[in-house]
PDB file of all heavy atoms in Angstrom:
ATOM      1  N   ASN A   1      80.164 145.754  67.239  1.00  0.00           N
ATOM      2  CA  ASN A   1      80.913 145.342  68.435  1.00  0.00           C
ATOM      3  C   ASN A   1      82.400 145.218  68.110  1.00  0.00           C
ATOM      4  O   ASN A   1      83.048 144.200  68.429  1.00  0.00           O
ATOM      5  CB  ASN A   1      80.374 144.024  69.001  1.00  0.00           C
ATOM      6  CG  ASN A   1      78.940 144.136  69.443  1.00  0.00           C
ATOM      7  OD1 ASN A   1      78.522 145.158  69.982  1.00  0.00           O
ATOM      8  ND2 ASN A   1      78.175 143.091  69.201  1.00  0.00           N
ATOM      9  N   ALA A   2      82.926 146.227  67.454  1.00  0.00           N
ATOM     10  CA  ALA A   2      84.307 146.192  66.993  1.00  0.00           C
ATOM     11  C   ALA A   2      85.073 147.401  67.504  1.00  0.00           C
ATOM     12  O   ALA A   2      84.531 148.507  67.610  1.00  0.00           O
ATOM     13  CB  ALA A   2      84.365 146.139  65.481  1.00  0.00           C
ATOM     14  N   LEU A   3      86.332 147.180  67.772  1.00  0.00           N
ATOM     15  CA  LEU A   3      87.244 148.214  68.254  1.00  0.00           C
ATOM     16  C   LEU A   3      88.427 148.262  67.309  1.00  0.00           C
ATOM     17  O   LEU A   3      88.879 147.213  66.824  1.00  0.00           O
ATOM     18  CB  LEU A   3      87.701 147.881  69.671  1.00  0.00           C
ATOM     19  CG  LEU A   3      88.511 148.922  70.431  1.00  0.00           C
ATOM     20  CD1 LEU A   3      87.617 150.109  70.797  1.00  0.00           C
ATOM     21  CD2 LEU A   3      89.113 148.309  71.679  1.00  0.00           C
ATOM     22  N   TYR A   4      88.932 149.465  67.071  1.00  0.00           N
ATOM     23  CA  TYR A   4      90.032 149.623  66.130  1.00  0.00           C
ATOM     24  C   TYR A   4      91.132 150.487  66.747  1.00  0.00           C
ATOM     25  O   TYR A   4      90.880 151.306  67.627  1.00  0.00           O
ATOM     26  CB  TYR A   4      89.541 150.276  64.839  1.00  0.00           C
ATOM     27  CG  TYR A   4      88.386 149.551  64.203  1.00  0.00           C
ATOM     28  CD1 TYR A   4      87.083 150.020  64.348  1.00  0.00           C
ATOM     29  CD2 TYR A   4      88.590 148.383  63.466  1.00  0.00           C
ATOM     30  CE1 TYR A   4      86.018 149.344  63.786  1.00  0.00           C
ATOM     31  CE2 TYR A   4      87.529 147.710  62.896  1.00  0.00           C
ATOM     32  CZ  TYR A   4      86.243 148.187  63.062  1.00  0.00           C
ATOM     33  OH  TYR A   4      85.180 147.509  62.507  1.00  0.00           O
ATOM     34  N   LEU A   5      92.333 150.301  66.237  1.00  0.00           N
ATOM     35  CA  LEU A   5      93.449 151.148  66.649  1.00  0.00           C
ATOM     36  C   LEU A   5      94.314 151.424  65.437  1.00  0.00           C
ATOM     37  O   LEU A   5      94.938 150.505  64.890  1.00  0.00           O
ATOM     38  CB  LEU A   5      94.271 150.486  67.742  1.00  0.00           C
ATOM     39  CG  LEU A   5      95.433 151.318  68.274  1.00  0.00           C
ATOM     40  CD1 LEU A   5      94.917 152.608  68.924  1.00  0.00           C
ATOM     41  CD2 LEU A   5      96.261 150.523  69.291  1.00  0.00           C
ATOM     42  N   GLN A   6      94.342 152.670  65.017  1.00  0.00           N
ATOM     43  CA  GLN A   6      95.228 153.107  63.942  1.00  0.00           C
ATOM     44  C   GLN A   6      96.508 153.620  64.591  1.00  0.00           C
ATOM     45  O   GLN A   6      96.466 154.541  65.400  1.00  0.00           O
ATOM     46  CB  GLN A   6      94.577 154.212  63.116  1.00  0.00           C
ATOM     47  CG  GLN A   6      95.447 154.747  62.007  1.00  0.00           C
ATOM     48  CD  GLN A   6      95.723 153.723  60.930  1.00  0.00           C
ATOM     49  OE1 GLN A   6      94.822 153.008  60.498  1.00  0.00           O
ATOM     50  NE2 GLN A   6      96.978 153.630  60.504  1.00  0.00           N
ATOM     51  N   MET A   7      97.616 153.013  64.230  1.00  0.00           N
ATOM     52  CA  MET A   7      98.898 153.374  64.814  1.00  0.00           C
ATOM     53  C   MET A   7      99.805 153.914  63.716  1.00  0.00           C
ATOM     54  O   MET A   7     100.121 153.192  62.764  1.00  0.00           O
ATOM     55  CB  MET A   7      99.541 152.157  65.484  1.00  0.00           C
ATOM     56  CG  MET A   7      98.661 151.501  66.531  1.00  0.00           C
ATOM     57  SD  MET A   7      99.505 150.215  67.464  1.00  0.00           S
ATOM     58  CE  MET A   7      99.777 149.025  66.165  1.00  0.00           C
ATOM     59  N   ASN A   8     100.199 155.156  63.853  1.00  0.00           N
ATOM     60  CA  ASN A   8     101.078 155.811  62.885  1.00  0.00           C
ATOM     61  C   ASN A   8     102.386 156.214  63.551  1.00  0.00           C
ATOM     62  O   ASN A   8     102.492 156.246  64.774  1.00  0.00           O
ATOM     63  CB  ASN A   8     100.389 157.049  62.317  1.00  0.00           C
ATOM     64  CG  ASN A   8      99.119 156.728  61.574  1.00  0.00           C
ATOM     65  OD1 ASN A   8      98.986 155.668  60.948  1.00  0.00           O
ATOM     66  ND2 ASN A   8      98.166 157.639  61.626  1.00  0.00           N
ATOM     67  N   SER A   9     103.354 156.526  62.741  1.00  0.00           N
ATOM     68  CA  SER A   9     104.670 156.978  63.230  1.00  0.00           C
ATOM     69  C   SER A   9     105.194 156.034  64.304  1.00  0.00           C
ATOM     70  O   SER A   9     105.635 156.473  65.378  1.00  0.00           O
ATOM     71  CB  SER A   9     104.564 158.401  63.778  1.00  0.00           C
ATOM     72  OG  SER A   9     104.089 159.284  62.779  1.00  0.00           O
ATOM     73  N   LEU A  10     105.151 154.774  63.999  1.00  0.00           N
ATOM     74  CA  LEU A  10     105.507 153.761  64.993  1.00  0.00           C
ATOM     75  C   LEU A  10     106.977 153.830  65.367  1.00  0.00           C
ATOM     76  O   LEU A  10     107.844 154.123  64.533  1.00  0.00           O
ATOM     77  CB  LEU A  10     105.144 152.378  64.484  1.00  0.00           C
ATOM     78  CG  LEU A  10     103.641 152.061  64.563  1.00  0.00           C
ATOM     79  CD1 LEU A  10     103.278 150.866  63.692  1.00  0.00           C
ATOM     80  CD2 LEU A  10     103.237 151.802  66.007  1.00  0.00           C
ATOM     81  N   LYS A  11     107.229 153.548  66.639  1.00  0.00           N
ATOM     82  CA  LYS A  11     108.573 153.569  67.201  1.00  0.00           C
ATOM     83  C   LYS A  11     108.906 152.179  67.743  1.00  0.00           C
ATOM     84  O   LYS A  11     107.993 151.412  68.067  1.00  0.00           O
ATOM     85  CB  LYS A  11     108.636 154.572  68.347  1.00  0.00           C
ATOM     86  CG  LYS A  11     108.204 155.976  67.992  1.00  0.00           C
ATOM     87  CD  LYS A  11     108.190 156.849  69.223  1.00  0.00           C
ATOM     88  CE  LYS A  11     107.727 158.267  68.913  1.00  0.00           C
ATOM     89  NZ  LYS A  11     107.716 159.124  70.126  1.00  0.00           N
ATOM     90  N   PRO A  12     110.167 151.847  67.905  1.00  0.00           N
ATOM     91  CA  PRO A  12     110.534 150.546  68.480  1.00  0.00           C
ATOM     92  C   PRO A  12     109.900 150.308  69.844  1.00  0.00           C
ATOM     93  O   PRO A  12     109.553 149.165  70.167  1.00  0.00           O
ATOM     94  CB  PRO A  12     112.055 150.629  68.572  1.00  0.00           C
ATOM     95  CG  PRO A  12     112.448 151.536  67.452  1.00  0.00           C
ATOM     96  CD  PRO A  12     111.363 152.569  67.412  1.00  0.00           C
ATOM     97  N   GLU A  13     109.706 151.358  70.623  1.00  0.00           N
ATOM     98  CA  GLU A  13     109.097 151.191  71.956  1.00  0.00           C
ATOM     99  C   GLU A  13     107.606 150.879  71.886  1.00  0.00           C
ATOM    100  O   GLU A  13     106.990 150.602  72.912  1.00  0.00           O
ATOM    101  CB  GLU A  13     109.337 152.433  72.823  1.00  0.00           C
ATOM    102  CG  GLU A  13     108.963 153.737  72.169  1.00  0.00           C
ATOM    103  CD  GLU A  13     110.167 154.429  71.533  1.00  0.00           C
ATOM    104  OE1 GLU A  13     110.972 153.746  70.856  1.00  0.00           O
ATOM    105  OE2 GLU A  13     110.270 155.663  71.696  1.00  0.00           O
ATOM    106  N   ASP A  14     107.027 150.915  70.703  1.00  0.00           N
ATOM    107  CA  ASP A  14     105.640 150.480  70.526  1.00  0.00           C
ATOM    108  C   ASP A  14     105.535 148.964  70.366  1.00  0.00           C
ATOM    109  O   ASP A  14     104.427 148.418  70.328  1.00  0.00           O
ATOM    110  CB  ASP A  14     105.008 151.149  69.307  1.00  0.00           C
ATOM    111  CG  ASP A  14     104.892 152.654  69.459  1.00  0.00           C
ATOM    112  OD1 ASP A  14     104.543 153.115  70.556  1.00  0.00           O
ATOM    113  OD2 ASP A  14     105.152 153.355  68.455  1.00  0.00           O
ATOM    114  N   THR A  15     106.649 148.305  70.268  1.00  0.00           N
ATOM    115  CA  THR A  15     106.673 146.854  70.116  1.00  0.00           C
ATOM    116  C   THR A  15     106.030 146.169  71.320  1.00  0.00           C
ATOM    117  O   THR A  15     106.285 146.548  72.468  1.00  0.00           O
ATOM    118  CB  THR A  15     108.111 146.349  69.948  1.00  0.00           C
ATOM    119  OG1 THR A  15     108.619 146.826  68.697  1.00  0.00           O
ATOM    120  CG2 THR A  15     108.183 144.833  69.974  1.00  0.00           C
ATOM    121  N   GLY A  16     105.212 145.172  71.030  1.00  0.00           N
ATOM    122  CA  GLY A  16     104.578 144.422  72.102  1.00  0.00           C
ATOM    123  C   GLY A  16     103.381 143.661  71.592  1.00  0.00           C
ATOM    124  O   GLY A  16     103.064 143.705  70.397  1.00  0.00           O
ATOM    125  N   VAL A  17     102.725 142.998  72.513  1.00  0.00           N
ATOM    126  CA  VAL A  17     101.477 142.327  72.195  1.00  0.00           C
ATOM    127  C   VAL A  17     100.340 143.257  72.600  1.00  0.00           C
ATOM    128  O   VAL A  17     100.317 143.763  73.719  1.00  0.00           O
ATOM    129  CB  VAL A  17     101.359 140.979  72.926  1.00  0.00           C
ATOM    130  CG1 VAL A  17     100.045 140.295  72.552  1.00  0.00           C
ATOM    131  CG2 VAL A  17     102.537 140.078  72.602  1.00  0.00           C
ATOM    132  N   TYR A  18      99.435 143.486  71.670  1.00  0.00           N
ATOM    133  CA  TYR A  18      98.318 144.396  71.902  1.00  0.00           C
ATOM    134  C   TYR A  18      97.045 143.589  72.134  1.00  0.00           C
ATOM    135  O   TYR A  18      96.734 142.653  71.391  1.00  0.00           O
ATOM    136  CB  TYR A  18      98.143 145.331  70.708  1.00  0.00           C
ATOM    137  CG  TYR A  18      99.187 146.421  70.674  1.00  0.00           C
ATOM    138  CD1 TYR A  18     100.494 146.134  70.313  1.00  0.00           C
ATOM    139  CD2 TYR A  18      98.868 147.733  71.014  1.00  0.00           C
ATOM    140  CE1 TYR A  18     101.464 147.124  70.299  1.00  0.00           C
ATOM    141  CE2 TYR A  18      99.822 148.733  70.993  1.00  0.00           C
ATOM    142  CZ  TYR A  18     101.116 148.425  70.643  1.00  0.00           C
ATOM    143  OH  TYR A  18     102.077 149.410  70.625  1.00  0.00           O
ATOM    144  N   TYR A  19      96.333 144.000  73.172  1.00  0.00           N
ATOM    145  CA  TYR A  19      95.093 143.349  73.558  1.00  0.00           C
ATOM    146  C   TYR A  19      93.983 144.396  73.631  1.00  0.00           C
ATOM    147  O   TYR A  19      94.228 145.551  73.983  1.00  0.00           O
ATOM    148  CB  TYR A  19      95.210 142.723  74.941  1.00  0.00           C
ATOM    149  CG  TYR A  19      96.301 141.695  75.112  1.00  0.00           C
ATOM    150  CD1 TYR A  19      97.598 142.074  75.426  1.00  0.00           C
ATOM    151  CD2 TYR A  19      96.011 140.336  74.993  1.00  0.00           C
ATOM    152  CE1 TYR A  19      98.600 141.126  75.605  1.00  0.00           C
ATOM    153  CE2 TYR A  19      96.998 139.383  75.175  1.00  0.00           C
ATOM    154  CZ  TYR A  19      98.281 139.781  75.476  1.00  0.00           C
ATOM    155  OH  TYR A  19      99.265 138.840  75.658  1.00  0.00           O
ATOM    156  N   CYS A  20      92.777 143.975  73.355  1.00  0.00           N
ATOM    157  CA  CYS A  20      91.623 144.823  73.631  1.00  0.00           C
ATOM    158  C   CYS A  20      90.873 144.245  74.822  1.00  0.00           C
ATOM    159  O   CYS A  20      90.907 143.040  75.080  1.00  0.00           O
ATOM    160  CB  CYS A  20      90.704 144.923  72.423  1.00  0.00           C
ATOM    161  SG  CYS A  20      89.995 143.364  71.868  1.00  0.00           S
ATOM    162  N   ASN A  21      90.218 145.105  75.552  1.00  0.00           N
ATOM    163  CA  ASN A  21      89.416 144.687  76.694  1.00  0.00           C
ATOM    164  C   ASN A  21      88.653 145.897  77.183  1.00  0.00           C
ATOM    165  O   ASN A  21      88.862 147.020  76.719  1.00  0.00           O
ATOM    166  CB  ASN A  21      90.294 144.119  77.815  1.00  0.00           C
ATOM    167  CG  ASN A  21      89.563 143.085  78.659  1.00  0.00           C
ATOM    168  OD1 ASN A  21      88.368 143.221  78.938  1.00  0.00           O
ATOM    169  ND2 ASN A  21      90.271 142.046  79.057  1.00  0.00           N
ATOM    170  N   ARG A  22      87.768 145.692  78.110  1.00  0.00           N
ATOM    171  CA  ARG A  22      87.108 146.814  78.727  1.00  0.00           C
ATOM    172  C   ARG A  22      88.134 147.676  79.446  1.00  0.00           C
ATOM    173  O   ARG A  22      89.154 147.191  79.926  1.00  0.00           O
ATOM    174  CB  ARG A  22      86.072 146.318  79.738  1.00  0.00           C
ATOM    175  CG  ARG A  22      84.888 145.619  79.145  1.00  0.00           C
ATOM    176  CD  ARG A  22      84.043 145.059  80.263  1.00  0.00           C
ATOM    177  NE  ARG A  22      82.850 144.399  79.768  1.00  0.00           N
ATOM    178  CZ  ARG A  22      82.103 143.609  80.504  1.00  0.00           C
ATOM    179  NH1 ARG A  22      82.436 143.366  81.769  1.00  0.00           N
ATOM    180  NH2 ARG A  22      81.020 143.054  79.993  1.00  0.00           N
ATOM    181  N   ARG A  23      87.856 148.970  79.530  1.00  0.00           N
ATOM    182  CA  ARG A  23      88.709 149.844  80.322  1.00  0.00           C
ATOM    183  C   ARG A  23      88.526 149.527  81.803  1.00  0.00           C
ATOM    184  O   ARG A  23      89.488 149.552  82.578  1.00  0.00           O
ATOM    185  CB  ARG A  23      88.340 151.300  80.049  1.00  0.00           C
ATOM    186  CG  ARG A  23      89.203 152.319  80.787  1.00  0.00           C
ATOM    187  CD  ARG A  23      88.589 153.701  80.687  1.00  0.00           C
ATOM    188  NE  ARG A  23      87.310 153.775  81.363  1.00  0.00           N
ATOM    189  CZ  ARG A  23      86.502 154.829  81.307  1.00  0.00           C
ATOM    190  NH1 ARG A  23      86.827 155.879  80.594  1.00  0.00           N
ATOM    191  NH2 ARG A  23      85.352 154.821  81.961  1.00  0.00           N
ATOM    192  N   ASP A  24      87.304 149.251  82.211  1.00  0.00           N
ATOM    193  CA  ASP A  24      86.978 148.898  83.589  1.00  0.00           C
ATOM    194  C   ASP A  24      86.357 147.512  83.580  1.00  0.00           C
ATOM    195  O   ASP A  24      85.876 147.058  82.566  1.00  0.00           O
ATOM    196  CB  ASP A  24      85.970 149.901  84.166  1.00  0.00           C
ATOM    197  CG  ASP A  24      86.349 151.338  83.876  1.00  0.00           C
ATOM    198  OD1 ASP A  24      87.446 151.750  84.294  1.00  0.00           O
ATOM    199  OD2 ASP A  24      85.550 152.045  83.228  1.00  0.00           O
ATOM    200  N   SER A  25      86.357 146.846  84.701  1.00  0.00           N
ATOM    201  CA  SER A  25      85.735 145.531  84.806  1.00  0.00           C
ATOM    202  C   SER A  25      86.210 144.602  83.697  1.00  0.00           C
ATOM    203  O   SER A  25      85.430 144.200  82.825  1.00  0.00           O
ATOM    204  CB  SER A  25      84.211 145.666  84.778  1.00  0.00           C
ATOM    205  OG  SER A  25      83.587 144.421  85.035  1.00  0.00           O
ATOM    206  N   LEU A  26      87.481 144.275  83.742  1.00  0.00           N
ATOM    207  CA  LEU A  26      88.102 143.480  82.690  1.00  0.00           C
ATOM    208  C   LEU A  26      87.395 142.152  82.486  1.00  0.00           C
ATOM    209  O   LEU A  26      86.951 141.496  83.430  1.00  0.00           O
ATOM    210  CB  LEU A  26      89.567 143.221  83.028  1.00  0.00           C
ATOM    211  CG  LEU A  26      90.492 144.431  83.044  1.00  0.00           C
ATOM    212  CD1 LEU A  26      91.852 144.039  83.589  1.00  0.00           C
ATOM    213  CD2 LEU A  26      90.620 145.013  81.645  1.00  0.00           C
ATOM    214  N   SER A  27      87.342 141.769  81.216  1.00  0.00           N
ATOM    215  CA  SER A  27      86.855 140.452  80.850  1.00  0.00           C
ATOM    216  C   SER A  27      88.065 139.546  80.607  1.00  0.00           C
ATOM    217  O   SER A  27      89.214 139.980  80.743  1.00  0.00           O
ATOM    218  CB  SER A  27      86.011 140.568  79.591  1.00  0.00           C
ATOM    219  OG  SER A  27      85.467 139.324  79.234  1.00  0.00           O
ATOM    220  N   ALA A  28      87.802 138.289  80.276  1.00  0.00           N
ATOM    221  CA  ALA A  28      88.905 137.378  79.964  1.00  0.00           C
ATOM    222  C   ALA A  28      89.677 137.905  78.759  1.00  0.00           C
ATOM    223  O   ALA A  28      89.089 138.397  77.799  1.00  0.00           O
ATOM    224  CB  ALA A  28      88.372 135.983  79.687  1.00  0.00           C
ATOM    225  N   TRP A  29      90.986 137.790  78.816  1.00  0.00           N
ATOM    226  CA  TRP A  29      91.823 138.310  77.737  1.00  0.00           C
ATOM    227  C   TRP A  29      91.781 137.418  76.505  1.00  0.00           C
ATOM    228  O   TRP A  29      91.666 136.187  76.619  1.00  0.00           O
ATOM    229  CB  TRP A  29      93.273 138.427  78.204  1.00  0.00           C
ATOM    230  CG  TRP A  29      93.464 139.425  79.299  1.00  0.00           C
ATOM    231  CD1 TRP A  29      93.525 139.175  80.635  1.00  0.00           C
ATOM    232  CD2 TRP A  29      93.594 140.845  79.149  1.00  0.00           C
ATOM    233  NE1 TRP A  29      93.692 140.356  81.327  1.00  0.00           N
ATOM    234  CE2 TRP A  29      93.744 141.394  80.448  1.00  0.00           C
ATOM    235  CE3 TRP A  29      93.612 141.718  78.057  1.00  0.00           C
ATOM    236  CZ2 TRP A  29      93.899 142.767  80.674  1.00  0.00           C
ATOM    237  CZ3 TRP A  29      93.773 143.078  78.287  1.00  0.00           C
ATOM    238  CH2 TRP A  29      93.904 143.593  79.571  1.00  0.00           C
ATOM    239  N   GLY A  30      91.890 138.046  75.346  1.00  0.00           N
ATOM    240  CA  GLY A  30      92.058 137.305  74.119  1.00  0.00           C
ATOM    241  C   GLY A  30      93.517 136.917  73.940  1.00  0.00           C
ATOM    242  O   GLY A  30      94.328 137.060  74.855  1.00  0.00           O
ATOM    243  N   GLN A  31      93.843 136.475  72.745  1.00  0.00           N
ATOM    244  CA  GLN A  31      95.212 136.018  72.489  1.00  0.00           C
ATOM    245  C   GLN A  31      96.152 137.175  72.165  1.00  0.00           C
ATOM    246  O   GLN A  31      97.377 137.011  72.204  1.00  0.00           O
ATOM    247  CB  GLN A  31      95.225 135.003  71.339  1.00  0.00           C
ATOM    248  CG  GLN A  31      95.248 135.588  69.935  1.00  0.00           C
ATOM    249  CD  GLN A  31      93.933 136.214  69.511  1.00  0.00           C
ATOM    250  OE1 GLN A  31      92.916 136.091  70.178  1.00  0.00           O
ATOM    251  NE2 GLN A  31      93.943 136.911  68.373  1.00  0.00           N
ATOM    252  N   GLY A  32      95.609 138.329  71.850  1.00  0.00           N
ATOM    253  CA  GLY A  32      96.426 139.480  71.512  1.00  0.00           C
ATOM    254  C   GLY A  32      96.977 139.385  70.100  1.00  0.00           C
ATOM    255  O   GLY A  32      96.848 138.371  69.416  1.00  0.00           O
ATOM    256  N   THR A  33      97.587 140.473  69.671  1.00  0.00           N
ATOM    257  CA  THR A  33      98.223 140.509  68.355  1.00  0.00           C
ATOM    258  C   THR A  33      99.592 141.162  68.511  1.00  0.00           C
ATOM    259  O   THR A  33      99.725 142.206  69.147  1.00  0.00           O
ATOM    260  CB  THR A  33      97.341 141.234  67.329  1.00  0.00           C
ATOM    261  OG1 THR A  33      97.963 141.176  66.042  1.00  0.00           O
ATOM    262  CG2 THR A  33      97.085 142.688  67.696  1.00  0.00           C
ATOM    263  N   GLN A  34     100.603 140.532  67.945  1.00  0.00           N
ATOM    264  CA  GLN A  34     101.988 140.973  68.122  1.00  0.00           C
ATOM    265  C   GLN A  34     102.332 142.060  67.117  1.00  0.00           C
ATOM    266  O   GLN A  34     102.146 141.881  65.906  1.00  0.00           O
ATOM    267  CB  GLN A  34     102.937 139.792  67.935  1.00  0.00           C
ATOM    268  CG  GLN A  34     104.406 140.159  67.945  1.00  0.00           C
ATOM    269  CD  GLN A  34     104.899 140.562  69.318  1.00  0.00           C
ATOM    270  OE1 GLN A  34     104.698 139.858  70.299  1.00  0.00           O
ATOM    271  NE2 GLN A  34     105.576 141.711  69.404  1.00  0.00           N
TER     272      GLN A  34
END
């Protein structure tokens, strides 16, 4: 029950808080990761 995101060649515009959730029928949001 795990989701991953490999991010390469990062740009300043990639800055933000990243959250995981369902694509449809959203569940409650987690705290995210900066």
